[in-house]
Amino acid sequence: MNTQQLSTIFAALADPTRRAILARLAEGEATVNELAEPLPLTLQAVSRHLKVLEQAGLISRGRTAQWRPCRLEPAPLREATDWLERYRHFWEGGFDRLSAHLQEIQKGNMNG
């Protein structure tokens, strides 16, 4: 995955409304109306969010007669997760060092 694709995915995921839409689509396909129903947005605003998600490759839209279901596309999420996973050891190592430091501080406070 190239840097631009990854940036587009993370930019799409940065918005809480788009994350809510993805969460709903994780349950199964839905129409724009179904996705808009629980949101305090117009259909036009939801459609703009869907366009961003579609451009990022996170969703696709089908066509069956008048019905245009949206569906979650897992591959870009998997690629973003794989990219993040490469940095997990830095996070975990940082938390381990912080924990050890806090234990040292606590020992110092008990002995002092």
N, C-alpha and C. Protein backbone atom coordinates (compact mmCIF):
# COMPACT_ATOMS: atom_id res chain seq x y z
N MET A 1 0.85 -1.17 0.00
CA MET A 1 0.00 0.00 0.00
C MET A 1 0.89 1.23 0.00
N ASN A 2 0.54 2.18 -0.85
CA ASN A 2 1.38 3.38 -0.91
C ASN A 2 0.94 4.39 0.15
N THR A 3 1.79 5.37 0.38
CA THR A 3 1.57 6.36 1.42
C THR A 3 0.29 7.16 1.21
N GLN A 4 0.00 7.51 -0.04
CA GLN A 4 -1.21 8.29 -0.34
C GLN A 4 -2.47 7.49 0.00
N GLN A 5 -2.50 6.21 -0.34
CA GLN A 5 -3.66 5.38 -0.03
C GLN A 5 -3.86 5.29 1.48
N LEU A 6 -2.77 5.08 2.19
CA LEU A 6 -2.84 4.98 3.65
C LEU A 6 -3.33 6.30 4.25
N SER A 7 -2.84 7.42 3.74
CA SER A 7 -3.28 8.73 4.23
C SER A 7 -4.77 8.93 3.97
N THR A 8 -5.25 8.50 2.82
CA THR A 8 -6.66 8.63 2.48
C THR A 8 -7.52 7.79 3.42
N ILE A 9 -7.07 6.60 3.74
CA ILE A 9 -7.81 5.72 4.66
C ILE A 9 -7.86 6.35 6.05
N PHE A 10 -6.72 6.79 6.57
CA PHE A 10 -6.71 7.39 7.91
C PHE A 10 -7.50 8.69 7.95
N ALA A 11 -7.47 9.48 6.89
CA ALA A 11 -8.28 10.70 6.84
C ALA A 11 -9.77 10.37 6.88
N ALA A 12 -10.16 9.33 6.18
CA ALA A 12 -11.57 8.91 6.19
C ALA A 12 -11.97 8.42 7.58
N LEU A 13 -11.07 7.70 8.24
CA LEU A 13 -11.36 7.16 9.57
C LEU A 13 -11.32 8.22 10.66
N ALA A 14 -10.77 9.39 10.37
CA ALA A 14 -10.63 10.44 11.38
C ALA A 14 -11.98 11.04 11.80
N ASP A 15 -12.98 10.91 10.97
CA ASP A 15 -14.28 11.52 11.26
C ASP A 15 -15.19 10.55 12.03
N PRO A 16 -15.76 10.98 13.16
CA PRO A 16 -16.61 10.08 13.96
C PRO A 16 -17.88 9.63 13.22
N THR A 17 -18.42 10.47 12.37
CA THR A 17 -19.61 10.06 11.61
C THR A 17 -19.26 8.93 10.65
N ARG A 18 -18.13 9.03 10.00
CA ARG A 18 -17.72 7.97 9.07
C ARG A 18 -17.41 6.68 9.83
N ARG A 19 -16.84 6.80 11.03
CA ARG A 19 -16.60 5.60 11.83
C ARG A 19 -17.93 4.97 12.25
N ALA A 20 -18.92 5.79 12.56
CA ALA A 20 -20.25 5.26 12.91
C ALA A 20 -20.87 4.55 11.71
N ILE A 21 -20.70 5.10 10.54
CA ILE A 21 -21.21 4.46 9.32
C ILE A 21 -20.53 3.11 9.11
N LEU A 22 -19.22 3.07 9.28
CA LEU A 22 -18.49 1.81 9.12
C LEU A 22 -18.94 0.78 10.15
N ALA A 23 -19.16 1.23 11.38
CA ALA A 23 -19.63 0.32 12.43
C ALA A 23 -20.98 -0.28 12.04
N ARG A 24 -21.86 0.55 11.49
CA ARG A 24 -23.17 0.05 11.06
C ARG A 24 -23.00 -0.94 9.91
N LEU A 25 -22.12 -0.65 8.96
CA LEU A 25 -21.91 -1.54 7.81
C LEU A 25 -21.22 -2.83 8.22
N ALA A 26 -20.54 -2.84 9.34
CA ALA A 26 -19.93 -4.08 9.84
C ALA A 26 -21.03 -5.09 10.20
N GLU A 27 -22.24 -4.61 10.43
CA GLU A 27 -23.37 -5.49 10.74
C GLU A 27 -24.03 -6.04 9.47
N GLY A 28 -23.74 -5.43 8.32
CA GLY A 28 -24.31 -5.88 7.06
C GLY A 28 -24.61 -4.69 6.14
N GLU A 29 -24.97 -5.02 4.91
CA GLU A 29 -25.27 -3.99 3.92
C GLU A 29 -26.41 -3.09 4.38
N ALA A 30 -26.38 -1.85 3.88
CA ALA A 30 -27.44 -0.89 4.22
C ALA A 30 -27.55 0.14 3.11
N THR A 31 -28.73 0.70 2.98
CA THR A 31 -28.94 1.77 2.02
C THR A 31 -28.54 3.10 2.66
N VAL A 32 -28.47 4.13 1.84
CA VAL A 32 -28.16 5.47 2.35
C VAL A 32 -29.22 5.88 3.37
N ASN A 33 -30.48 5.62 3.07
CA ASN A 33 -31.55 5.97 4.01
C ASN A 33 -31.38 5.25 5.34
N GLU A 34 -31.03 3.98 5.29
CA GLU A 34 -30.84 3.22 6.53
C GLU A 34 -29.65 3.75 7.32
N LEU A 35 -28.60 4.14 6.62
CA LEU A 35 -27.43 4.68 7.29
C LEU A 35 -27.71 6.06 7.87
N ALA A 36 -28.54 6.83 7.19
CA ALA A 36 -28.83 8.20 7.63
C ALA A 36 -29.81 8.23 8.80
N GLU A 37 -30.64 7.21 8.91
CA GLU A 37 -31.72 7.22 9.90
C GLU A 37 -31.28 7.59 11.32
N PRO A 38 -30.24 6.96 11.88
CA PRO A 38 -29.89 7.31 13.27
C PRO A 38 -29.01 8.56 13.39
N LEU A 39 -28.58 9.11 12.27
CA LEU A 39 -27.65 10.24 12.31
C LEU A 39 -28.38 11.58 12.23
N PRO A 40 -27.88 12.58 12.93
CA PRO A 40 -28.50 13.91 12.89
C PRO A 40 -28.03 14.71 11.68
N LEU A 41 -28.05 14.07 10.50
CA LEU A 41 -27.54 14.69 9.27
C LEU A 41 -28.56 14.56 8.15
N THR A 42 -28.41 15.41 7.15
CA THR A 42 -29.25 15.28 5.96
C THR A 42 -28.75 14.12 5.11
N LEU A 43 -29.61 13.66 4.21
CA LEU A 43 -29.19 12.60 3.28
C LEU A 43 -28.00 13.07 2.45
N GLN A 44 -28.00 14.34 2.08
CA GLN A 44 -26.90 14.89 1.30
C GLN A 44 -25.58 14.82 2.07
N ALA A 45 -25.61 15.14 3.35
CA ALA A 45 -24.40 15.08 4.17
C ALA A 45 -23.92 13.64 4.32
N VAL A 46 -24.84 12.72 4.54
CA VAL A 46 -24.46 11.30 4.64
C VAL A 46 -23.86 10.83 3.33
N SER A 47 -24.44 11.26 2.21
CA SER A 47 -23.90 10.88 0.90
C SER A 47 -22.47 11.39 0.72
N ARG A 48 -22.19 12.59 1.22
CA ARG A 48 -20.82 13.11 1.13
C ARG A 48 -19.85 12.24 1.95
N HIS A 49 -20.29 11.82 3.14
CA HIS A 49 -19.46 10.93 3.96
C HIS A 49 -19.24 9.60 3.24
N LEU A 50 -20.27 9.09 2.62
CA LEU A 50 -20.15 7.82 1.89
C LEU A 50 -19.18 7.95 0.72
N LYS A 51 -19.19 9.10 0.08
CA LYS A 51 -18.26 9.33 -1.03
C LYS A 51 -16.81 9.28 -0.55
N VAL A 52 -16.55 9.89 0.61
CA VAL A 52 -15.19 9.86 1.18
C VAL A 52 -14.79 8.42 1.50
N LEU A 53 -15.71 7.68 2.12
CA LEU A 53 -15.42 6.28 2.46
C LEU A 53 -15.19 5.44 1.20
N GLU A 54 -15.97 5.71 0.17
CA GLU A 54 -15.83 4.96 -1.08
C GLU A 54 -14.50 5.30 -1.76
N GLN A 55 -14.12 6.58 -1.76
CA GLN A 55 -12.84 6.98 -2.35
C GLN A 55 -11.66 6.36 -1.62
N ALA A 56 -11.82 6.13 -0.33
CA ALA A 56 -10.76 5.49 0.46
C ALA A 56 -10.78 3.98 0.28
N GLY A 57 -11.79 3.46 -0.42
CA GLY A 57 -11.88 2.02 -0.64
C GLY A 57 -12.48 1.26 0.53
N LEU A 58 -12.99 2.00 1.53
CA LEU A 58 -13.51 1.36 2.74
C LEU A 58 -14.92 0.80 2.55
N ILE A 59 -15.64 1.33 1.58
CA ILE A 59 -16.97 0.79 1.26
C ILE A 59 -17.11 0.68 -0.24
N SER A 60 -18.10 -0.09 -0.66
CA SER A 60 -18.48 -0.13 -2.06
C SER A 60 -19.99 -0.04 -2.12
N ARG A 61 -20.49 0.37 -3.26
CA ARG A 61 -21.94 0.49 -3.44
C ARG A 61 -22.35 -0.38 -4.60
N GLY A 62 -23.35 -1.18 -4.35
CA GLY A 62 -23.87 -2.05 -5.39
C GLY A 62 -25.09 -1.43 -6.04
N ARG A 63 -25.67 -2.18 -6.94
CA ARG A 63 -26.90 -1.71 -7.57
C ARG A 63 -27.75 -2.91 -7.92
N THR A 64 -28.92 -2.97 -7.31
CA THR A 64 -29.91 -3.99 -7.59
C THR A 64 -31.22 -3.25 -7.82
N ALA A 65 -31.60 -3.11 -9.08
CA ALA A 65 -32.79 -2.32 -9.44
C ALA A 65 -32.67 -0.93 -8.83
N GLN A 66 -33.62 -0.55 -7.99
CA GLN A 66 -33.59 0.78 -7.35
C GLN A 66 -32.76 0.77 -6.06
N TRP A 67 -32.41 -0.40 -5.59
CA TRP A 67 -31.72 -0.53 -4.32
C TRP A 67 -30.22 -0.42 -4.52
N ARG A 68 -29.56 0.50 -3.81
CA ARG A 68 -28.11 0.68 -3.91
C ARG A 68 -27.47 0.43 -2.56
N PRO A 69 -27.25 -0.83 -2.23
CA PRO A 69 -26.69 -1.13 -0.91
C PRO A 69 -25.21 -0.72 -0.81
N CYS A 70 -24.86 -0.26 0.38
CA CYS A 70 -23.45 0.03 0.69
C CYS A 70 -22.94 -1.16 1.49
N ARG A 71 -21.69 -1.51 1.25
CA ARG A 71 -21.11 -2.62 2.01
C ARG A 71 -19.68 -2.27 2.41
N LEU A 72 -19.29 -2.80 3.53
CA LEU A 72 -17.95 -2.60 4.06
C LEU A 72 -16.95 -3.39 3.23
N GLU A 73 -15.83 -2.79 2.92
CA GLU A 73 -14.74 -3.47 2.22
C GLU A 73 -13.59 -3.63 3.21
N PRO A 74 -13.33 -4.84 3.66
CA PRO A 74 -12.37 -5.04 4.74
C PRO A 74 -10.89 -4.89 4.36
N ALA A 75 -10.54 -5.05 3.10
CA ALA A 75 -9.12 -5.05 2.71
C ALA A 75 -8.38 -3.78 3.14
N PRO A 76 -8.91 -2.57 2.88
CA PRO A 76 -8.17 -1.37 3.31
C PRO A 76 -8.01 -1.28 4.83
N LEU A 77 -9.02 -1.72 5.57
CA LEU A 77 -8.89 -1.72 7.03
C LEU A 77 -7.80 -2.68 7.47
N ARG A 78 -7.74 -3.82 6.82
CA ARG A 78 -6.71 -4.81 7.13
C ARG A 78 -5.32 -4.24 6.83
N GLU A 79 -5.19 -3.54 5.71
CA GLU A 79 -3.89 -2.96 5.35
C GLU A 79 -3.48 -1.87 6.34
N ALA A 80 -4.44 -1.05 6.77
CA ALA A 80 -4.14 -0.02 7.77
C ALA A 80 -3.75 -0.66 9.10
N THR A 81 -4.45 -1.72 9.47
CA THR A 81 -4.13 -2.44 10.70
C THR A 81 -2.74 -3.06 10.62
N ASP A 82 -2.42 -3.64 9.48
CA ASP A 82 -1.08 -4.21 9.29
C ASP A 82 -0.01 -3.14 9.44
N TRP A 83 -0.27 -1.95 8.90
CA TRP A 83 0.70 -0.86 9.01
C TRP A 83 0.87 -0.47 10.48
N LEU A 84 -0.24 -0.34 11.21
CA LEU A 84 -0.17 0.01 12.63
C LEU A 84 0.52 -1.07 13.44
N GLU A 85 0.29 -2.31 13.08
CA GLU A 85 0.85 -3.45 13.81
C GLU A 85 2.38 -3.41 13.83
N ARG A 86 2.98 -2.88 12.78
CA ARG A 86 4.44 -2.79 12.74
C ARG A 86 4.99 -1.91 13.85
N TYR A 87 4.16 -1.03 14.42
CA TYR A 87 4.61 -0.11 15.45
C TYR A 87 4.16 -0.53 16.85
N ARG A 88 3.49 -1.65 16.94
CA ARG A 88 2.98 -2.12 18.23
C ARG A 88 4.09 -2.28 19.26
N HIS A 89 5.24 -2.81 18.86
CA HIS A 89 6.32 -3.03 19.84
C HIS A 89 6.80 -1.72 20.44
N PHE A 90 6.74 -0.62 19.70
CA PHE A 90 7.10 0.68 20.26
C PHE A 90 6.11 1.09 21.34
N TRP A 91 4.80 0.90 21.07
CA TRP A 91 3.78 1.25 22.06
C TRP A 91 3.93 0.40 23.30
N GLU A 92 4.02 -0.92 23.08
CA GLU A 92 4.10 -1.82 24.22
C GLU A 92 5.37 -1.59 25.02
N GLY A 93 6.48 -1.37 24.34
CA GLY A 93 7.73 -1.08 25.03
C GLY A 93 7.64 0.20 25.84
N GLY A 94 6.96 1.20 25.28
CA GLY A 94 6.78 2.45 26.00
C GLY A 94 5.94 2.27 27.26
N PHE A 95 4.90 1.48 27.14
CA PHE A 95 4.05 1.22 28.31
C PHE A 95 4.80 0.40 29.36
N ASP A 96 5.61 -0.55 28.91
CA ASP A 96 6.41 -1.35 29.85
C ASP A 96 7.40 -0.46 30.59
N ARG A 97 8.05 0.46 29.86
CA ARG A 97 9.01 1.37 30.50
C ARG A 97 8.30 2.31 31.47
N LEU A 98 7.12 2.80 31.10
CA LEU A 98 6.35 3.67 31.98
C LEU A 98 5.95 2.92 33.25
N SER A 99 5.50 1.69 33.09
CA SER A 99 5.10 0.88 34.24
C SER A 99 6.29 0.66 35.18
N ALA A 100 7.45 0.32 34.62
CA ALA A 100 8.64 0.11 35.45
C ALA A 100 9.03 1.40 36.17
N HIS A 101 8.94 2.53 35.49
CA HIS A 101 9.27 3.82 36.09
C HIS A 101 8.31 4.14 37.24
N LEU A 102 7.02 3.90 37.03
CA LEU A 102 6.04 4.17 38.09
C LEU A 102 6.28 3.26 39.30
N GLN A 103 6.67 2.02 39.05
CA GLN A 103 6.97 1.11 40.17
C GLN A 103 8.17 1.61 40.95
N GLU A 104 9.18 2.12 40.26
CA GLU A 104 10.35 2.67 40.94
C GLU A 104 9.97 3.89 41.79
N ILE A 105 9.10 4.73 41.25
CA ILE A 105 8.66 5.92 42.00
C ILE A 105 7.90 5.47 43.27
N GLN A 106 7.02 4.49 43.10
CA GLN A 106 6.26 3.99 44.24
C GLN A 106 7.18 3.40 45.30
N LYS A 107 8.20 2.66 44.89
CA LYS A 107 9.16 2.09 45.84
C LYS A 107 9.89 3.19 46.58
N GLY A 108 10.26 4.24 45.83
CA GLY A 108 10.96 5.37 46.45
C GLY A 108 10.10 6.08 47.47
N ASN A 109 8.82 6.21 47.19
CA ASN A 109 7.90 6.86 48.12
C ASN A 109 7.68 6.01 49.36
N MET A 110 7.71 4.71 49.22
CA MET A 110 7.51 3.82 50.38
C MET A 110 8.74 3.79 51.27
N ASN A 111 9.91 3.91 50.66
CA ASN A 111 11.15 3.86 51.42
C ASN A 111 11.53 5.22 52.00
N GLY A 112 10.97 6.27 51.47
CA GLY A 112 11.37 7.62 51.87
C GLY A 112 10.54 8.13 52.92
